[in-house]
Amino acid sequence: MKRIFDILFSLIVLTAFLPFGIVIAMIILLTSKGGVFYVQERIGRYEKPFGLLKFRTMRKDADKLGKLTVGMRDPRITGIGYFLRKYKLDEFPQFINVLLGSMSVVGPRPEVKEYVDLYTPAQKQVLNVKPGITDYASLEYFEENELLGKSADPRKTYIEEVMPAKLELNKKYASNPSIGQDVKIVWKTFVRVIS
């Protein structure tokens, strides 16, 4: 049932978003060097790696300078990238990941291997469900980039404070995933983005 919800919801979103997606793609191509999409390896269900899709919001090869985005005014972010990140529009290509089956609409946000390698055995239980586009942690840490931007050591803050707190919220979801809970989280995410 969850898979059917994922497919139908993703098809509706991608169909409705297509005209905006074409405009965004053209602006990205015209305003900075590099492709339209950014593909980053993330760790999915049962620790299987997959390529997570996003609209490219940073300058080419900017991820080589660090995987964490430090504040919305990170100099690596392009002009259109700032707008896309602010309104979470860069996340829409992930609905393609959902259609391909590597992600779900709702589930723990997938992490890069560098940070998954730091998980404790208890924290790794979040990898027993498909990663998602949104979850409780996404709602709680909606302004995560700004939070890290204020830190003297963003990586340390993420590893010692943000990541453990997010994983606790992820464990809450992973212990009892359901369609009802998914609909509730999707609605809360929509309201949060709009507000």
Protein backbone atom coordinates (compact mmCIF):
# COMPACT_ATOMS: atom_id res chain seq x y z
CA MET A 1 0.00 0.00 0.00
CA LYS A 2 2.85 2.39 0.86
CA ARG A 3 4.48 1.72 -2.52
CA ILE A 4 1.22 2.49 -4.34
CA PHE A 5 0.91 5.75 -2.37
CA ASP A 6 4.53 6.63 -3.25
CA ILE A 7 4.02 6.03 -6.98
CA LEU A 8 0.68 7.83 -7.28
CA PHE A 9 1.77 10.81 -5.16
CA SER A 10 5.07 11.14 -7.05
CA LEU A 11 3.37 11.00 -10.47
CA ILE A 12 0.91 13.71 -9.43
CA VAL A 13 3.66 15.96 -8.03
CA LEU A 14 6.01 15.49 -11.00
CA THR A 15 3.22 16.09 -13.54
CA ALA A 16 2.08 19.27 -11.76
CA PHE A 17 5.66 20.47 -11.27
CA LEU A 18 6.89 19.75 -14.82
CA PRO A 19 6.36 23.27 -16.30
CA PHE A 20 8.13 24.86 -13.31
CA GLY A 21 10.86 22.22 -13.50
CA ILE A 22 11.59 23.11 -17.14
CA VAL A 23 11.87 26.81 -16.27
CA ILE A 24 14.14 26.05 -13.30
CA ALA A 25 16.34 23.82 -15.46
CA MET A 26 16.74 26.57 -18.07
CA ILE A 27 17.65 29.18 -15.43
CA ILE A 28 20.23 26.84 -13.87
CA LEU A 29 21.85 26.22 -17.26
CA LEU A 30 21.88 29.90 -18.19
CA THR A 31 23.24 31.25 -14.91
CA SER A 32 26.06 28.86 -13.95
CA LYS A 33 28.38 26.23 -15.42
CA GLY A 34 27.48 22.60 -14.83
CA GLY A 35 24.48 20.36 -15.34
CA VAL A 36 20.87 20.80 -14.23
CA PHE A 37 20.96 17.99 -11.70
CA TYR A 38 23.28 17.16 -8.86
CA VAL A 39 23.61 13.46 -8.03
CA GLN A 40 25.10 12.55 -4.68
CA GLU A 41 25.70 9.07 -3.35
CA ARG A 42 23.58 8.44 -0.27
CA ILE A 43 23.03 5.33 1.82
CA GLY A 44 19.60 3.77 1.47
CA ARG A 45 17.68 0.84 2.91
CA TYR A 46 19.87 -1.99 4.22
CA GLU A 47 22.93 0.26 3.69
CA LYS A 48 22.66 0.06 -0.10
CA PRO A 49 24.13 3.16 -1.83
CA PHE A 50 22.09 5.05 -4.44
CA GLY A 51 22.29 8.33 -6.35
CA LEU A 52 20.07 11.02 -4.82
CA LEU A 53 18.82 13.58 -7.35
CA LYS A 54 18.50 17.31 -6.74
CA PHE A 55 18.47 20.43 -8.84
CA ARG A 56 22.03 21.74 -8.77
CA THR A 57 22.22 24.69 -6.37
CA MET A 58 25.98 24.99 -5.95
CA ARG A 59 28.85 25.84 -8.21
CA LYS A 60 30.48 22.98 -10.08
CA ASP A 61 32.65 20.72 -7.84
CA ALA A 62 31.68 22.77 -4.75
CA ASP A 63 31.00 19.57 -2.78
CA LYS A 64 34.76 18.89 -2.80
CA LEU A 65 35.06 21.71 -0.27
CA GLY A 66 32.73 19.94 2.18
CA LYS A 67 29.42 18.07 2.24
CA LEU A 68 27.67 20.27 4.79
CA THR A 69 26.01 23.48 3.64
CA VAL A 70 26.82 26.20 6.13
CA GLY A 71 24.04 28.77 6.11
CA MET A 72 21.95 29.91 3.17
CA ARG A 73 24.63 32.45 2.23
CA ASP A 74 27.28 29.79 1.74
CA PRO A 75 29.44 31.31 -1.06
CA ARG A 76 29.29 28.00 -2.96
CA ILE A 77 25.54 28.43 -3.54
CA THR A 78 24.48 30.03 -6.82
CA GLY A 79 21.94 32.87 -7.10
CA ILE A 80 19.13 30.58 -8.29
CA GLY A 81 20.40 27.97 -5.83
CA TYR A 82 19.63 30.27 -2.90
CA PHE A 83 16.03 30.64 -4.10
CA LEU A 84 15.61 26.90 -4.75
CA ARG A 85 16.97 25.95 -1.33
CA LYS A 86 14.90 28.55 0.50
CA TYR A 87 11.68 27.11 -0.89
CA LYS A 88 12.91 23.49 -0.97
CA LEU A 89 12.41 23.40 -4.75
CA ASP A 90 15.78 21.71 -5.22
CA GLU A 91 14.30 18.58 -3.62
CA PHE A 92 11.64 17.91 -6.30
CA PRO A 93 13.78 15.65 -8.53
CA GLN A 94 13.83 13.19 -5.62
CA PHE A 95 10.31 12.17 -6.64
CA ILE A 96 12.12 10.45 -9.54
CA ASN A 97 14.09 8.51 -6.90
CA VAL A 98 10.74 7.52 -5.40
CA LEU A 99 9.44 6.24 -8.75
CA LEU A 100 12.67 4.28 -9.24
CA GLY A 101 12.14 2.66 -5.83
CA SER A 102 15.29 3.85 -4.04
CA MET A 103 13.29 6.28 -1.87
CA SER A 104 9.84 6.75 -0.40
CA VAL A 105 7.89 10.01 -0.08
CA VAL A 106 8.17 9.74 3.71
CA GLY A 107 11.05 8.15 5.56
CA PRO A 108 14.34 8.99 7.28
CA ARG A 109 16.39 11.40 5.18
CA PRO A 110 19.25 9.47 3.50
CA GLU A 111 22.72 10.35 4.69
CA VAL A 112 26.15 10.24 3.05
CA LYS A 113 28.41 7.29 3.92
CA GLU A 114 30.79 9.51 5.89
CA TYR A 115 28.10 10.06 8.52
CA VAL A 116 26.39 6.66 8.30
CA ASP A 117 29.74 5.13 9.26
CA LEU A 118 29.40 6.97 12.59
CA TYR A 119 26.00 5.44 13.44
CA THR A 120 25.75 3.21 16.48
CA PRO A 121 24.11 -0.23 16.04
CA ALA A 122 20.91 1.20 17.57
CA GLN A 123 20.91 4.16 15.19
CA LYS A 124 21.36 1.86 12.20
CA GLN A 125 17.80 0.58 12.65
CA VAL A 126 16.66 3.62 10.65
CA LEU A 127 18.26 1.90 7.65
CA ASN A 128 15.65 -0.88 7.83
CA VAL A 129 13.10 1.35 6.07
CA LYS A 130 13.38 3.21 2.78
CA PRO A 131 14.78 6.72 3.08
CA GLY A 132 12.37 9.53 2.27
CA ILE A 133 12.01 13.06 0.98
CA THR A 134 10.51 14.26 4.25
CA ASP A 135 10.16 13.02 7.82
CA TYR A 136 9.83 14.22 11.41
CA ALA A 137 13.50 15.29 11.45
CA SER A 138 13.05 17.37 8.27
CA LEU A 139 10.24 19.26 9.98
CA GLU A 140 12.12 19.71 13.26
CA TYR A 141 15.33 20.83 11.51
CA PHE A 142 13.73 22.78 8.68
CA GLU A 143 16.33 25.56 9.14
CA GLU A 144 19.30 23.22 9.64
CA ASN A 145 21.56 25.15 7.26
CA GLU A 146 21.05 28.34 9.22
CA LEU A 147 21.73 26.53 12.51
CA LEU A 148 25.02 25.14 11.19
CA GLY A 149 25.90 28.53 9.74
CA LYS A 150 25.94 29.98 13.27
CA SER A 151 28.27 27.28 14.60
CA ALA A 152 32.01 27.81 15.05
CA ASP A 153 32.52 24.17 13.99
CA PRO A 154 29.56 23.09 11.79
CA ARG A 155 30.79 19.51 11.27
CA LYS A 156 31.22 18.93 15.00
CA THR A 157 27.82 20.49 15.73
CA TYR A 158 26.20 18.26 13.11
CA ILE A 159 27.85 15.04 14.33
CA GLU A 160 27.45 15.65 18.08
CA GLU A 161 24.12 17.51 18.25
CA VAL A 162 22.05 17.58 15.07
CA MET A 163 22.61 14.07 13.72
CA PRO A 164 21.83 12.19 16.98
CA ALA A 165 18.66 14.26 17.51
CA LYS A 166 17.52 13.62 13.93
CA LEU A 167 18.21 9.90 14.28
CA GLU A 168 16.03 9.70 17.38
CA LEU A 169 13.17 11.22 15.38
CA ASN A 170 13.92 8.82 12.52
CA LYS A 171 13.79 5.86 14.89
CA LYS A 172 10.36 7.01 16.02
CA TYR A 173 9.13 6.79 12.42
CA ALA A 174 10.99 3.56 11.57
CA SER A 175 9.44 1.78 14.56
CA ASN A 176 5.91 2.24 13.19
CA PRO A 177 5.68 3.39 9.55
CA SER A 178 2.12 3.71 8.22
CA ILE A 179 0.15 5.42 5.43
CA GLY A 180 -1.73 7.50 8.01
CA GLN A 181 1.53 8.75 9.48
CA ASP A 182 2.90 9.44 5.98
CA VAL A 183 -0.11 11.57 5.02
CA LYS A 184 0.23 13.52 8.28
CA ILE A 185 3.94 14.22 7.68
CA VAL A 186 3.34 15.19 4.03
CA TRP A 187 0.63 17.65 5.10
CA LYS A 188 2.83 19.17 7.83
CA THR A 189 5.69 19.51 5.34
CA PHE A 190 3.43 21.25 2.81
CA VAL A 191 2.17 23.69 5.44
CA ARG A 192 5.73 24.37 6.64
CA VAL A 193 7.06 25.07 3.13
CA ILE A 194 4.12 27.34 2.28
CA SER A 195 4.41 29.26 5.58
